[in-house]
Protein backbone atom coordinates (compact mmCIF):
# COMPACT_ATOMS: atom_id res chain seq x y z
CA MET A 1 -80.79 15.45 -16.92
CA ALA A 2 -78.80 12.47 -15.71
CA GLU A 3 -75.30 12.03 -17.00
CA ALA A 4 -75.13 9.40 -19.71
CA SER A 5 -72.11 7.36 -18.68
CA ALA A 6 -73.04 4.13 -20.42
CA GLN A 7 -70.87 2.71 -23.13
CA ILE A 8 -73.33 1.13 -25.49
CA THR A 9 -71.91 -0.92 -28.32
CA PRO A 10 -73.17 -0.41 -31.85
CA GLU A 11 -74.07 -4.12 -31.84
CA LEU A 12 -76.37 -3.80 -28.81
CA TRP A 13 -77.98 -0.66 -30.21
CA ASP A 14 -78.69 -2.39 -33.53
CA GLU A 15 -79.81 -5.66 -31.94
CA PHE A 16 -82.19 -3.87 -29.56
CA HIS A 17 -83.77 -1.94 -32.41
CA THR A 18 -84.08 -5.17 -34.40
CA VAL A 19 -85.79 -7.26 -31.71
CA VAL A 20 -88.03 -4.39 -30.59
CA ASN A 21 -90.18 -4.50 -33.70
CA MET A 22 -93.10 -2.51 -32.32
CA THR A 23 -93.15 1.25 -32.78
CA SER A 24 -93.36 3.51 -29.74
CA ARG A 25 -97.00 4.15 -30.54
CA GLU A 26 -97.80 0.44 -30.90
CA LEU A 27 -96.06 -0.36 -27.64
CA GLN A 28 -97.79 2.47 -25.77
CA GLU A 29 -101.18 1.37 -27.08
CA TRP A 30 -100.45 -2.26 -26.19
CA LEU A 31 -99.31 -1.41 -22.65
CA SER A 32 -102.38 0.78 -22.12
CA THR A 33 -104.75 -1.88 -23.47
CA ALA A 34 -103.14 -4.73 -21.57
CA ALA A 35 -103.29 -2.75 -18.31
CA ALA A 36 -106.94 -1.79 -18.67
CA GLY A 37 -109.21 -3.74 -16.39
CA GLU A 38 -112.92 -3.97 -15.75
CA ARG A 39 -112.77 -1.88 -12.60
CA THR A 40 -109.64 0.19 -12.99
CA GLU A 41 -107.54 1.70 -15.70
CA THR A 42 -104.04 2.92 -15.02
CA LEU A 43 -102.68 6.23 -16.18
CA PRO A 44 -101.00 5.95 -19.60
CA ASP A 45 -97.51 6.64 -18.23
CA GLN A 46 -98.02 3.91 -15.58
CA ALA A 47 -99.62 1.29 -17.84
CA GLY A 48 -98.03 -2.10 -18.32
CA PRO A 49 -95.07 -3.75 -16.68
CA ALA A 50 -92.10 -1.62 -15.61
CA ILE A 51 -89.79 -3.14 -18.21
CA GLY A 52 -92.25 -2.30 -20.99
CA ARG A 53 -92.38 1.31 -19.83
CA ARG A 54 -88.56 1.35 -19.74
CA VAL A 55 -88.41 0.05 -23.33
CA LEU A 56 -90.79 2.82 -24.32
CA GLU A 57 -88.53 5.41 -22.63
CA ILE A 58 -85.45 4.01 -24.35
CA LEU A 59 -87.14 4.18 -27.76
CA GLY A 60 -87.56 7.90 -27.18
CA LYS A 61 -83.88 8.49 -26.41
CA ARG A 62 -80.87 9.18 -28.53
CA ARG A 63 -77.97 6.81 -28.25
CA THR A 64 -75.85 9.45 -26.52
CA ASP A 65 -78.51 9.95 -23.83
CA LEU A 66 -78.54 6.33 -22.61
CA GLY A 67 -77.44 5.56 -19.07
CA ASP A 68 -76.15 2.36 -17.51
CA ASP A 69 -79.67 1.31 -16.48
CA ASP A 70 -80.88 1.78 -20.06
CA VAL A 71 -78.08 -0.42 -21.40
CA ALA A 72 -78.95 -3.11 -18.85
CA VAL A 73 -82.61 -3.05 -19.91
CA MET A 74 -81.62 -3.21 -23.57
CA SER A 75 -79.41 -6.25 -22.91
CA ARG A 76 -82.18 -7.94 -20.95
CA VAL A 77 -84.71 -7.36 -23.74
CA VAL A 78 -82.37 -8.68 -26.42
CA ASP A 79 -81.51 -11.76 -24.31
CA THR A 80 -85.17 -12.45 -23.57
CA VAL A 81 -86.31 -12.21 -27.18
CA ARG A 82 -83.37 -14.22 -28.52
CA SER A 83 -83.92 -16.97 -25.93
CA GLN A 84 -87.62 -17.27 -26.77
CA ARG A 85 -87.44 -17.03 -30.56
CA PRO A 86 -85.80 -19.21 -33.22
CA ALA A 87 -82.67 -17.81 -34.83
CA ASP A 88 -84.45 -16.90 -38.09
CA MET A 89 -86.96 -14.68 -36.21
CA GLU A 90 -89.62 -15.49 -38.82
CA PRO A 91 -93.14 -14.46 -37.75
CA GLN A 92 -94.81 -17.27 -35.82
CA ALA A 93 -97.88 -17.88 -33.75
CA GLY A 94 -97.58 -19.21 -30.25
CA GLY A 95 -99.47 -19.26 -27.02
CA THR A 96 -101.27 -16.11 -25.94
CA ASP A 97 -99.27 -15.69 -22.73
CA TRP A 98 -95.99 -16.14 -24.63
CA ARG A 99 -96.94 -13.58 -27.28
CA HIS A 100 -98.24 -11.07 -24.76
CA GLY A 101 -95.11 -11.47 -22.63
CA LEU A 102 -92.94 -10.59 -25.62
CA MET A 103 -95.23 -7.73 -26.61
CA ASN A 104 -94.80 -6.30 -23.11
CA ILE A 105 -91.15 -5.69 -24.02
CA GLY A 106 -91.82 -4.39 -27.53
CA HIS A 107 -91.55 -7.56 -29.60
CA ASP A 108 -94.54 -8.88 -31.54
CA PRO A 109 -93.69 -12.40 -32.75
CA LEU A 110 -96.34 -12.16 -35.46
CA LYS A 111 -94.68 -9.12 -37.00
CA PRO A 112 -91.68 -9.38 -39.32
CA VAL A 113 -88.42 -8.24 -37.80
């Protein structure tokens, strides 16, 4: 096991778990579905974009097991969601590509936060 040297703040931990409003199971199913094609289907652990798979890994970790790379991904996810959503984070519809892009990182804009 890699040494967890990251210093994650309680604020980042809470914010990440607020903006990632999909459960691990929902995210895994979404990544698998989104990656399925007419001719090929990826293995479940390789489905979806790399950042989505990283979010899924992070959701399965304890706070004390996070490394520097995990903290960087968490910050990126929080920044991405906050930049693309209004401050109130109320459920809202939007374009398909926009919604799917957010779902790829564990945030469903149609779901309450």
